[in-house]
Amino acid sequence: MDFQTSVKTCLTQKYATFAGRASRSEFWWFILAYFVGALIALLLGRIVYLLYVLALIVPTTSAGWRRLQDTGRPGWYILVPVGFSLFTMLLSPAPMADPMAPGGMGGMGLMAILGIVQLILAILYIYWLTRPSEPETNTYGPPPQA
C-alpha cells in the first residue's frame, strides 16, 4: 500500500473501524502522515495542534488497533500506551513550576519514573507494531491486502 492509499484508507474508509487487520505499510504510512501533519499544526500554534490531535485520535488509535490484530495480538492493547500517555499528561506539573520549591523534587522523581515506564512501553509497542503480518487468517480476519 502506498502513502496516499494508506492515508485515504485510514481517514475515510476506516476512520473508526476497529475490526479487521492493517498491514505494516498501511499503518506506518499513516503514522508518517500523522507526524508530518502534527509538526505543521504545532508550528501554527497550540490550539491548532490540539484540534489536530483531537480530530485524529480516533483514526490513529483504530489503525494501531488493527495493526496489533494483524500481528495476532488483541487490538485493545493499543489503549495501554494511549491511556498511560494521557495519565502522564494529567500528572505533569505546570511548565513554570519551580523544581526547587518544597515538594518539587518529589514531582520530578515521579515524572522521571513515569518517563522511564513510557519509554519501555514505547520500545515494546514499536517492536510489536513492526512485526510481520500473520500470513494466514487469524482470529481477527483474513490477511490485509498489501
N, C-alpha and C. Protein backbone atom coordinates (compact mmCIF):
# COMPACT_ATOMS: atom_id res chain seq x y z
N MET A 1 0.85 -1.17 0.00
CA MET A 1 0.00 0.00 0.00
C MET A 1 0.90 1.24 0.00
N ASP A 2 0.56 2.19 -0.84
CA ASP A 2 1.38 3.40 -0.92
C ASP A 2 0.87 4.47 0.05
N PHE A 3 1.59 5.59 0.09
CA PHE A 3 1.32 6.66 1.04
C PHE A 3 -0.10 7.20 0.91
N GLN A 4 -0.50 7.60 -0.29
CA GLN A 4 -1.82 8.20 -0.49
C GLN A 4 -2.94 7.23 -0.19
N THR A 5 -2.81 6.00 -0.61
CA THR A 5 -3.84 5.00 -0.36
C THR A 5 -3.99 4.74 1.13
N SER A 6 -2.88 4.69 1.83
CA SER A 6 -2.90 4.46 3.26
C SER A 6 -3.62 5.57 4.00
N VAL A 7 -3.28 6.81 3.68
CA VAL A 7 -3.91 7.95 4.34
C VAL A 7 -5.40 8.00 4.02
N LYS A 8 -5.73 7.77 2.76
CA LYS A 8 -7.14 7.77 2.34
C LYS A 8 -7.91 6.65 3.06
N THR A 9 -7.33 5.48 3.15
CA THR A 9 -7.98 4.35 3.81
C THR A 9 -8.23 4.65 5.28
N CYS A 10 -7.22 5.16 5.96
CA CYS A 10 -7.35 5.39 7.41
C CYS A 10 -8.26 6.57 7.74
N LEU A 11 -8.32 7.57 6.87
CA LEU A 11 -9.12 8.76 7.17
C LEU A 11 -10.55 8.71 6.64
N THR A 12 -10.79 7.93 5.59
CA THR A 12 -12.14 7.91 5.04
C THR A 12 -12.82 6.56 5.18
N GLN A 13 -12.17 5.51 4.75
CA GLN A 13 -12.81 4.20 4.74
C GLN A 13 -12.82 3.53 6.12
N LYS A 14 -11.77 3.73 6.90
CA LYS A 14 -11.65 3.04 8.19
C LYS A 14 -11.40 4.01 9.35
N TYR A 15 -12.04 5.17 9.31
CA TYR A 15 -11.82 6.22 10.31
C TYR A 15 -11.98 5.69 11.74
N ALA A 16 -13.03 4.96 12.01
CA ALA A 16 -13.29 4.43 13.36
C ALA A 16 -13.55 2.93 13.29
N THR A 17 -12.87 2.24 12.39
CA THR A 17 -13.03 0.80 12.25
C THR A 17 -11.98 0.08 13.09
N PHE A 18 -12.46 -0.65 14.07
CA PHE A 18 -11.55 -1.37 14.96
C PHE A 18 -11.52 -2.87 14.64
N ALA A 19 -12.36 -3.30 13.72
CA ALA A 19 -12.39 -4.71 13.33
C ALA A 19 -11.45 -4.92 12.15
N GLY A 20 -10.91 -6.10 12.05
CA GLY A 20 -10.05 -6.43 10.93
C GLY A 20 -8.58 -6.22 11.23
N ARG A 21 -7.82 -6.13 10.16
CA ARG A 21 -6.38 -6.05 10.28
C ARG A 21 -5.83 -4.94 9.38
N ALA A 22 -4.67 -4.40 9.77
CA ALA A 22 -3.99 -3.37 8.97
C ALA A 22 -2.56 -3.83 8.68
N SER A 23 -2.17 -3.73 7.44
CA SER A 23 -0.81 -4.12 7.07
C SER A 23 0.20 -3.13 7.64
N ARG A 24 1.45 -3.56 7.63
CA ARG A 24 2.51 -2.66 8.12
C ARG A 24 2.56 -1.38 7.31
N SER A 25 2.47 -1.52 5.98
CA SER A 25 2.57 -0.32 5.14
C SER A 25 1.39 0.62 5.40
N GLU A 26 0.18 0.10 5.56
CA GLU A 26 -0.98 0.96 5.84
C GLU A 26 -0.76 1.75 7.14
N PHE A 27 -0.33 1.05 8.18
CA PHE A 27 -0.14 1.69 9.48
C PHE A 27 0.99 2.72 9.45
N TRP A 28 2.17 2.32 8.97
CA TRP A 28 3.33 3.20 9.07
C TRP A 28 3.25 4.39 8.13
N TRP A 29 2.66 4.25 6.94
CA TRP A 29 2.46 5.41 6.07
C TRP A 29 1.52 6.40 6.73
N PHE A 30 0.45 5.87 7.36
CA PHE A 30 -0.49 6.76 8.03
C PHE A 30 0.17 7.47 9.21
N ILE A 31 0.98 6.75 9.97
CA ILE A 31 1.67 7.37 11.12
C ILE A 31 2.65 8.45 10.63
N LEU A 32 3.33 8.22 9.52
CA LEU A 32 4.21 9.25 8.95
C LEU A 32 3.41 10.50 8.60
N ALA A 33 2.27 10.31 7.94
CA ALA A 33 1.42 11.45 7.58
C ALA A 33 0.93 12.16 8.83
N TYR A 34 0.59 11.39 9.86
CA TYR A 34 0.12 11.97 11.12
C TYR A 34 1.20 12.87 11.74
N PHE A 35 2.43 12.37 11.80
CA PHE A 35 3.51 13.14 12.42
C PHE A 35 3.89 14.37 11.61
N VAL A 36 3.87 14.28 10.29
CA VAL A 36 4.15 15.46 9.47
C VAL A 36 3.06 16.51 9.71
N GLY A 37 1.81 16.06 9.72
CA GLY A 37 0.71 16.98 10.00
C GLY A 37 0.80 17.57 11.39
N ALA A 38 1.22 16.77 12.36
CA ALA A 38 1.36 17.26 13.74
C ALA A 38 2.44 18.34 13.83
N LEU A 39 3.54 18.15 13.13
CA LEU A 39 4.61 19.17 13.13
C LEU A 39 4.11 20.47 12.53
N ILE A 40 3.38 20.37 11.43
CA ILE A 40 2.85 21.57 10.79
C ILE A 40 1.85 22.25 11.73
N ALA A 41 0.96 21.46 12.34
CA ALA A 41 -0.04 22.03 13.26
C ALA A 41 0.64 22.68 14.46
N LEU A 42 1.71 22.07 14.95
CA LEU A 42 2.44 22.63 16.09
C LEU A 42 3.07 23.97 15.73
N LEU A 43 3.56 24.10 14.51
CA LEU A 43 4.13 25.37 14.07
C LEU A 43 3.06 26.46 13.95
N LEU A 44 1.82 26.05 13.71
CA LEU A 44 0.73 27.02 13.57
C LEU A 44 0.16 27.46 14.92
N GLY A 45 0.51 26.75 15.97
CA GLY A 45 0.06 27.16 17.30
C GLY A 45 -0.51 26.01 18.11
N ARG A 46 -0.57 26.21 19.42
CA ARG A 46 -1.02 25.16 20.33
C ARG A 46 -2.48 24.78 20.11
N ILE A 47 -3.32 25.76 19.82
CA ILE A 47 -4.74 25.47 19.63
C ILE A 47 -4.94 24.63 18.37
N VAL A 48 -4.25 24.97 17.30
CA VAL A 48 -4.34 24.20 16.05
C VAL A 48 -3.84 22.79 16.28
N TYR A 49 -2.74 22.66 17.02
CA TYR A 49 -2.19 21.34 17.33
C TYR A 49 -3.17 20.52 18.16
N LEU A 50 -3.78 21.13 19.16
CA LEU A 50 -4.75 20.42 20.00
C LEU A 50 -5.94 19.95 19.17
N LEU A 51 -6.45 20.80 18.31
CA LEU A 51 -7.56 20.42 17.44
C LEU A 51 -7.17 19.29 16.49
N TYR A 52 -5.96 19.35 15.97
CA TYR A 52 -5.45 18.31 15.08
C TYR A 52 -5.39 16.96 15.80
N VAL A 53 -4.82 16.96 16.99
CA VAL A 53 -4.70 15.71 17.76
C VAL A 53 -6.08 15.16 18.10
N LEU A 54 -6.99 16.03 18.53
CA LEU A 54 -8.34 15.57 18.86
C LEU A 54 -9.06 15.01 17.64
N ALA A 55 -8.86 15.62 16.48
CA ALA A 55 -9.51 15.16 15.26
C ALA A 55 -8.98 13.81 14.80
N LEU A 56 -7.71 13.53 15.09
CA LEU A 56 -7.10 12.31 14.58
C LEU A 56 -6.83 11.24 15.63
N ILE A 57 -7.29 11.44 16.86
CA ILE A 57 -7.04 10.42 17.88
C ILE A 57 -7.78 9.12 17.57
N VAL A 58 -8.98 9.22 17.02
CA VAL A 58 -9.75 8.00 16.70
C VAL A 58 -9.12 7.22 15.54
N PRO A 59 -8.84 7.84 14.38
CA PRO A 59 -8.25 7.03 13.31
C PRO A 59 -6.84 6.51 13.64
N THR A 60 -6.09 7.27 14.42
CA THR A 60 -4.76 6.80 14.80
C THR A 60 -4.86 5.59 15.73
N THR A 61 -5.77 5.67 16.69
CA THR A 61 -5.97 4.55 17.61
C THR A 61 -6.52 3.34 16.87
N SER A 62 -7.46 3.55 15.95
CA SER A 62 -8.03 2.41 15.23
C SER A 62 -7.00 1.76 14.31
N ALA A 63 -6.12 2.55 13.71
CA ALA A 63 -5.07 1.98 12.86
C ALA A 63 -4.11 1.13 13.70
N GLY A 64 -3.74 1.62 14.88
CA GLY A 64 -2.89 0.84 15.78
C GLY A 64 -3.59 -0.41 16.27
N TRP A 65 -4.87 -0.29 16.55
CA TRP A 65 -5.70 -1.42 17.00
C TRP A 65 -5.68 -2.53 15.93
N ARG A 66 -5.95 -2.14 14.67
CA ARG A 66 -5.97 -3.11 13.58
C ARG A 66 -4.58 -3.68 13.31
N ARG A 67 -3.54 -2.84 13.47
CA ARG A 67 -2.17 -3.32 13.25
C ARG A 67 -1.80 -4.38 14.28
N LEU A 68 -2.15 -4.16 15.54
CA LEU A 68 -1.86 -5.18 16.56
C LEU A 68 -2.61 -6.47 16.26
N GLN A 69 -3.86 -6.36 15.80
CA GLN A 69 -4.62 -7.55 15.45
C GLN A 69 -3.98 -8.29 14.28
N ASP A 70 -3.34 -7.56 13.39
CA ASP A 70 -2.66 -8.17 12.25
C ASP A 70 -1.49 -9.03 12.71
N THR A 71 -0.90 -8.68 13.84
CA THR A 71 0.23 -9.46 14.37
C THR A 71 -0.23 -10.53 15.35
N GLY A 72 -1.56 -10.67 15.52
CA GLY A 72 -2.09 -11.71 16.38
C GLY A 72 -2.31 -11.29 17.82
N ARG A 73 -2.13 -10.03 18.13
CA ARG A 73 -2.35 -9.53 19.49
C ARG A 73 -3.70 -8.84 19.57
N PRO A 74 -4.31 -8.83 20.77
CA PRO A 74 -5.58 -8.11 20.91
C PRO A 74 -5.39 -6.61 20.63
N GLY A 75 -6.30 -6.04 19.87
CA GLY A 75 -6.19 -4.64 19.49
C GLY A 75 -6.29 -3.68 20.66
N TRP A 76 -7.03 -4.06 21.71
CA TRP A 76 -7.21 -3.15 22.83
C TRP A 76 -5.89 -2.87 23.55
N TYR A 77 -4.86 -3.65 23.27
CA TYR A 77 -3.55 -3.38 23.88
C TYR A 77 -3.06 -1.98 23.53
N ILE A 78 -3.51 -1.42 22.39
CA ILE A 78 -3.06 -0.08 21.98
C ILE A 78 -3.54 0.97 22.98
N LEU A 79 -4.57 0.65 23.75
CA LEU A 79 -5.09 1.60 24.74
C LEU A 79 -4.15 1.76 25.93
N VAL A 80 -3.25 0.81 26.15
CA VAL A 80 -2.31 0.91 27.28
C VAL A 80 -1.38 2.12 27.11
N PRO A 81 -0.63 2.25 26.00
CA PRO A 81 0.23 3.44 25.89
C PRO A 81 -0.56 4.73 25.71
N VAL A 82 -1.72 4.65 25.02
CA VAL A 82 -2.53 5.85 24.85
C VAL A 82 -3.03 6.34 26.21
N GLY A 83 -3.58 5.42 27.00
CA GLY A 83 -4.07 5.78 28.34
C GLY A 83 -2.96 6.24 29.26
N PHE A 84 -1.81 5.57 29.20
CA PHE A 84 -0.69 5.95 30.06
C PHE A 84 -0.16 7.33 29.70
N SER A 85 -0.15 7.65 28.41
CA SER A 85 0.29 8.99 27.98
C SER A 85 -0.67 10.06 28.50
N LEU A 86 -1.97 9.79 28.39
CA LEU A 86 -2.94 10.75 28.90
C LEU A 86 -2.80 10.92 30.41
N PHE A 87 -2.60 9.81 31.12
CA PHE A 87 -2.40 9.84 32.57
C PHE A 87 -1.17 10.67 32.93
N THR A 88 -0.08 10.46 32.21
CA THR A 88 1.15 11.21 32.46
C THR A 88 0.96 12.70 32.20
N MET A 89 0.22 13.04 31.12
CA MET A 89 -0.03 14.45 30.82
C MET A 89 -0.85 15.11 31.93
N LEU A 90 -1.79 14.37 32.51
CA LEU A 90 -2.60 14.92 33.59
C LEU A 90 -1.77 15.17 34.85
N LEU A 91 -0.76 14.34 35.08
CA LEU A 91 0.07 14.49 36.27
C LEU A 91 1.22 15.47 36.09
N SER A 92 1.51 15.84 34.84
CA SER A 92 2.68 16.69 34.62
C SER A 92 2.49 18.05 35.29
N PRO A 93 3.57 18.55 35.88
CA PRO A 93 3.47 19.85 36.57
C PRO A 93 3.34 20.99 35.57
N ALA A 94 2.95 22.13 36.09
CA ALA A 94 2.84 23.34 35.26
C ALA A 94 4.22 23.66 34.69
N PRO A 95 4.29 24.20 33.48
CA PRO A 95 5.58 24.47 32.85
C PRO A 95 6.47 25.43 33.63
N MET A 96 5.88 26.35 34.37
CA MET A 96 6.68 27.33 35.08
C MET A 96 6.91 26.95 36.55
N ALA A 97 6.59 25.72 36.91
CA ALA A 97 6.76 25.30 38.31
C ALA A 97 8.24 25.35 38.69
N ASP A 98 8.49 25.74 39.92
CA ASP A 98 9.85 25.83 40.43
C ASP A 98 10.24 24.47 40.99
N PRO A 99 11.20 23.77 40.36
CA PRO A 99 11.58 22.45 40.85
C PRO A 99 12.26 22.50 42.22
N MET A 100 12.76 23.66 42.62
CA MET A 100 13.43 23.77 43.91
C MET A 100 12.46 24.11 45.04
N ALA A 101 11.19 24.31 44.70
CA ALA A 101 10.20 24.59 45.73
C ALA A 101 9.99 23.34 46.58
N PRO A 102 9.54 23.52 47.83
CA PRO A 102 9.29 22.34 48.67
C PRO A 102 8.32 21.38 47.98
N GLY A 103 8.69 20.11 47.92
CA GLY A 103 7.87 19.11 47.27
C GLY A 103 8.10 19.03 45.77
N GLY A 104 8.87 19.94 45.23
CA GLY A 104 9.11 19.96 43.79
C GLY A 104 9.95 18.79 43.32
N MET A 105 10.89 18.35 44.11
CA MET A 105 11.75 17.25 43.71
C MET A 105 10.99 15.94 43.67
N GLY A 106 10.00 15.79 44.54
CA GLY A 106 9.19 14.57 44.51
C GLY A 106 8.42 14.47 43.21
N GLY A 107 7.90 15.60 42.74
CA GLY A 107 7.20 15.63 41.47
C GLY A 107 8.13 15.29 40.31
N MET A 108 9.35 15.78 40.40
CA MET A 108 10.32 15.46 39.36
C MET A 108 10.66 13.98 39.37
N GLY A 109 10.78 13.40 40.56
CA GLY A 109 11.06 11.96 40.67
C GLY A 109 9.93 11.13 40.08
N LEU A 110 8.69 11.52 40.38
CA LEU A 110 7.54 10.82 39.83
C LEU A 110 7.53 10.91 38.31
N MET A 111 7.79 12.11 37.78
CA MET A 111 7.79 12.28 36.34
C MET A 111 8.93 11.48 35.69
N ALA A 112 10.06 11.36 36.38
CA ALA A 112 11.17 10.56 35.85
C ALA A 112 10.78 9.08 35.77
N ILE A 113 10.13 8.58 36.81
CA ILE A 113 9.68 7.18 36.81
C ILE A 113 8.65 6.96 35.71
N LEU A 114 7.68 7.87 35.60
CA LEU A 114 6.67 7.74 34.55
C LEU A 114 7.30 7.82 33.16
N GLY A 115 8.32 8.65 33.01
CA GLY A 115 9.02 8.76 31.73
C GLY A 115 9.74 7.47 31.36
N ILE A 116 10.34 6.82 32.35
CA ILE A 116 11.03 5.55 32.09
C ILE A 116 10.02 4.48 31.69
N VAL A 117 8.88 4.43 32.41
CA VAL A 117 7.84 3.46 32.06
C VAL A 117 7.33 3.74 30.65
N GLN A 118 7.14 5.00 30.32
CA GLN A 118 6.66 5.36 28.98
C GLN A 118 7.68 4.97 27.90
N LEU A 119 8.95 5.12 28.18
CA LEU A 119 9.99 4.72 27.24
C LEU A 119 9.97 3.21 27.01
N ILE A 120 9.84 2.45 28.09
CA ILE A 120 9.77 0.99 27.97
C ILE A 120 8.54 0.57 27.16
N LEU A 121 7.39 1.20 27.44
CA LEU A 121 6.18 0.92 26.67
C LEU A 121 6.37 1.26 25.19
N ALA A 122 7.01 2.39 24.91
CA ALA A 122 7.23 2.80 23.52
C ALA A 122 8.09 1.77 22.78
N ILE A 123 9.15 1.30 23.41
CA ILE A 123 10.03 0.32 22.78
C ILE A 123 9.26 -0.98 22.52
N LEU A 124 8.49 -1.44 23.49
CA LEU A 124 7.72 -2.68 23.34
C LEU A 124 6.71 -2.55 22.21
N TYR A 125 5.97 -1.44 22.18
CA TYR A 125 4.94 -1.28 21.16
C TYR A 125 5.52 -1.05 19.78
N ILE A 126 6.63 -0.36 19.66
CA ILE A 126 7.28 -0.23 18.35
C ILE A 126 7.71 -1.61 17.86
N TYR A 127 8.23 -2.42 18.76
CA TYR A 127 8.61 -3.79 18.38
C TYR A 127 7.40 -4.55 17.88
N TRP A 128 6.29 -4.51 18.62
CA TRP A 128 5.08 -5.22 18.22
C TRP A 128 4.53 -4.70 16.90
N LEU A 129 4.52 -3.39 16.72
CA LEU A 129 3.92 -2.80 15.52
C LEU A 129 4.77 -2.99 14.27
N THR A 130 6.04 -3.35 14.45
CA THR A 130 6.90 -3.60 13.29
C THR A 130 6.99 -5.07 12.92
N ARG A 131 6.36 -5.93 13.68
CA ARG A 131 6.39 -7.37 13.37
C ARG A 131 5.64 -7.64 12.08
N PRO A 132 6.06 -8.69 11.35
CA PRO A 132 5.36 -9.03 10.11
C PRO A 132 3.92 -9.48 10.38
N SER A 133 3.11 -9.36 9.36
CA SER A 133 1.72 -9.82 9.45
C SER A 133 1.70 -11.34 9.55
N GLU A 134 0.68 -11.85 10.24
CA GLU A 134 0.48 -13.30 10.22
C GLU A 134 -0.03 -13.65 8.82
N PRO A 135 0.65 -14.55 8.13
CA PRO A 135 0.30 -14.81 6.73
C PRO A 135 -1.06 -15.47 6.53
N GLU A 136 -1.53 -16.19 7.51
CA GLU A 136 -2.80 -16.88 7.38
C GLU A 136 -3.90 -16.11 8.10
N THR A 137 -5.14 -16.54 7.90
CA THR A 137 -6.26 -15.94 8.60
C THR A 137 -6.09 -16.20 10.09
N ASN A 138 -6.24 -15.16 10.89
CA ASN A 138 -6.16 -15.33 12.34
C ASN A 138 -7.52 -15.01 12.96
N THR A 139 -7.57 -14.89 14.26
CA THR A 139 -8.81 -14.63 14.98
C THR A 139 -9.50 -13.35 14.51
N TYR A 140 -8.73 -12.41 13.98
CA TYR A 140 -9.26 -11.09 13.63
C TYR A 140 -9.61 -10.95 12.15
N GLY A 141 -9.43 -11.99 11.38
CA GLY A 141 -9.83 -11.95 9.98
C GLY A 141 -8.73 -12.38 9.03
N PRO A 142 -9.02 -12.25 7.73
CA PRO A 142 -8.02 -12.63 6.72
C PRO A 142 -6.90 -11.59 6.64
N PRO A 143 -5.78 -11.97 6.07
CA PRO A 143 -4.67 -11.01 5.92
C PRO A 143 -5.11 -9.79 5.11
N PRO A 144 -4.61 -8.61 5.46
CA PRO A 144 -4.97 -7.40 4.71
C PRO A 144 -4.33 -7.41 3.32
N GLN A 145 -4.96 -6.67 2.43
CA GLN A 145 -4.39 -6.52 1.08
C GLN A 145 -3.22 -5.56 1.17
N ALA A 146 -2.04 -5.98 0.79
CA ALA A 146 -0.83 -5.15 0.92
C ALA A 146 -0.73 -4.08 -0.11
